[in-house]
Amino acid sequence: MGIIRYIRESYEELRANVTWPSWAEGQNLMVVVAVFSIIFSLAIWGVDTGFQKLISLYFDLIG
C-alpha cells in the first residue's frame, strides 16, 4: 500500500504545488539548453582532438 500512497501524493504534489513554465518560456529554455549543448560538445571535441594529436606526437617520437 505504500507505493500507491506515494504515487497518489506525488501526483497531487505535481498538480497542486508545481509551477509549470508557459509554452513560450519552455521554448526559450529549450533553445538555451540546445545552444549550451552544442557549445559544450564543440569544446569537448576540441579538447579530444588536441589530446589525440598530443598522444600521436608522443608515440611518434618514442616509436
C-alpha atoms as a PDB file:
ATOM      1  CA  MET A   1       0.000   0.000   0.000  1.00  0.00           C
ATOM      2  CA  GLY A   2       2.969   2.326   0.460  1.00  0.00           C
ATOM      3  CA  ILE A   3       3.717   2.587  -3.262  1.00  0.00           C
ATOM      4  CA  ILE A   4       0.082   3.515  -4.088  1.00  0.00           C
ATOM      5  CA  ARG A   5       0.136   6.224  -1.450  1.00  0.00           C
ATOM      6  CA  TYR A   6       3.477   7.519  -2.752  1.00  0.00           C
ATOM      7  CA  ILE A   7       2.163   7.722  -6.331  1.00  0.00           C
ATOM      8  CA  ARG A   8      -1.039   9.455  -5.227  1.00  0.00           C
ATOM      9  CA  GLU A   9       0.866  12.023  -3.139  1.00  0.00           C
ATOM     10  CA  SER A  10       3.399  12.610  -5.921  1.00  0.00           C
ATOM     11  CA  TYR A  11       0.616  13.234  -8.428  1.00  0.00           C
ATOM     12  CA  GLU A  12      -1.101  15.647  -6.063  1.00  0.00           C
ATOM     13  CA  GLU A  13       2.182  17.480  -5.473  1.00  0.00           C
ATOM     14  CA  LEU A  14       2.723  17.886  -9.227  1.00  0.00           C
ATOM     15  CA  ARG A  15      -0.852  19.010  -9.805  1.00  0.00           C
ATOM     16  CA  ALA A  16      -1.186  21.480  -6.918  1.00  0.00           C
ATOM     17  CA  ASN A  17       2.245  22.770  -5.931  1.00  0.00           C
ATOM     18  CA  VAL A  18       4.493  22.779  -9.003  1.00  0.00           C
ATOM     19  CA  THR A  19       4.672  25.943 -11.076  1.00  0.00           C
ATOM     20  CA  TRP A  20       4.938  24.980 -14.724  1.00  0.00           C
ATOM     21  CA  PRO A  21       6.507  27.385 -17.249  1.00  0.00           C
ATOM     22  CA  SER A  22       4.407  28.832 -20.023  1.00  0.00           C
ATOM     23  CA  TRP A  23       4.721  27.391 -23.528  1.00  0.00           C
ATOM     24  CA  ALA A  24       6.817  30.385 -24.711  1.00  0.00           C
ATOM     25  CA  GLU A  25       9.098  30.206 -21.667  1.00  0.00           C
ATOM     26  CA  GLY A  26       9.555  26.469 -22.205  1.00  0.00           C
ATOM     27  CA  GLN A  27      10.557  27.077 -25.823  1.00  0.00           C
ATOM     28  CA  ASN A  28      13.056  29.760 -24.771  1.00  0.00           C
ATOM     29  CA  LEU A  29      14.582  27.460 -22.183  1.00  0.00           C
ATOM     30  CA  MET A  30      14.817  24.670 -24.766  1.00  0.00           C
ATOM     31  CA  VAL A  31      16.774  26.988 -27.080  1.00  0.00           C
ATOM     32  CA  VAL A  32      19.163  27.892 -24.244  1.00  0.00           C
ATOM     33  CA  VAL A  33      19.747  24.206 -23.451  1.00  0.00           C
ATOM     34  CA  ALA A  34      20.280  23.359 -27.144  1.00  0.00           C
ATOM     35  CA  VAL A  35      22.797  26.187 -27.657  1.00  0.00           C
ATOM     36  CA  PHE A  36      24.687  25.276 -24.471  1.00  0.00           C
ATOM     37  CA  SER A  37      24.767  21.607 -25.512  1.00  0.00           C
ATOM     38  CA  ILE A  38      26.197  22.479 -28.925  1.00  0.00           C
ATOM     39  CA  ILE A  39      28.859  24.777 -27.448  1.00  0.00           C
ATOM     40  CA  PHE A  40      29.799  22.205 -24.804  1.00  0.00           C
ATOM     41  CA  SER A  41      30.050  19.397 -27.361  1.00  0.00           C
ATOM     42  CA  LEU A  42      32.280  21.545 -29.585  1.00  0.00           C
ATOM     43  CA  ALA A  43      34.529  22.285 -26.603  1.00  0.00           C
ATOM     44  CA  ILE A  44      34.806  18.575 -25.755  1.00  0.00           C
ATOM     45  CA  TRP A  45      35.523  17.787 -29.421  1.00  0.00           C
ATOM     46  CA  GLY A  46      38.324  20.397 -29.406  1.00  0.00           C
ATOM     47  CA  VAL A  47      39.927  19.033 -26.256  1.00  0.00           C
ATOM     48  CA  ASP A  48      39.622  15.460 -27.540  1.00  0.00           C
ATOM     49  CA  THR A  49      41.236  16.410 -30.854  1.00  0.00           C
ATOM     50  CA  GLY A  50      44.062  18.202 -29.055  1.00  0.00           C
ATOM     51  CA  PHE A  51      44.768  15.230 -26.808  1.00  0.00           C
ATOM     52  CA  GLN A  52      44.670  12.894 -29.801  1.00  0.00           C
ATOM     53  CA  LYS A  53      47.304  14.971 -31.587  1.00  0.00           C
ATOM     54  CA  LEU A  54      49.495  15.180 -28.482  1.00  0.00           C
ATOM     55  CA  ILE A  55      49.335  11.447 -27.888  1.00  0.00           C
ATOM     56  CA  SER A  56      50.053  10.714 -31.564  1.00  0.00           C
ATOM     57  CA  LEU A  57      53.040  13.078 -31.459  1.00  0.00           C
ATOM     58  CA  TYR A  58      54.321  11.415 -28.277  1.00  0.00           C
ATOM     59  CA  PHE A  59      54.112   7.906 -29.733  1.00  0.00           C
ATOM     60  CA  ASP A  60      55.695   9.056 -32.993  1.00  0.00           C
ATOM     61  CA  LEU A  61      58.650  10.440 -31.015  1.00  0.00           C
ATOM     62  CA  ILE A  62      59.221   7.318 -28.906  1.00  0.00           C
ATOM     63  CA  GLY A  63      58.369   4.830 -31.635  1.00  0.00           C
END
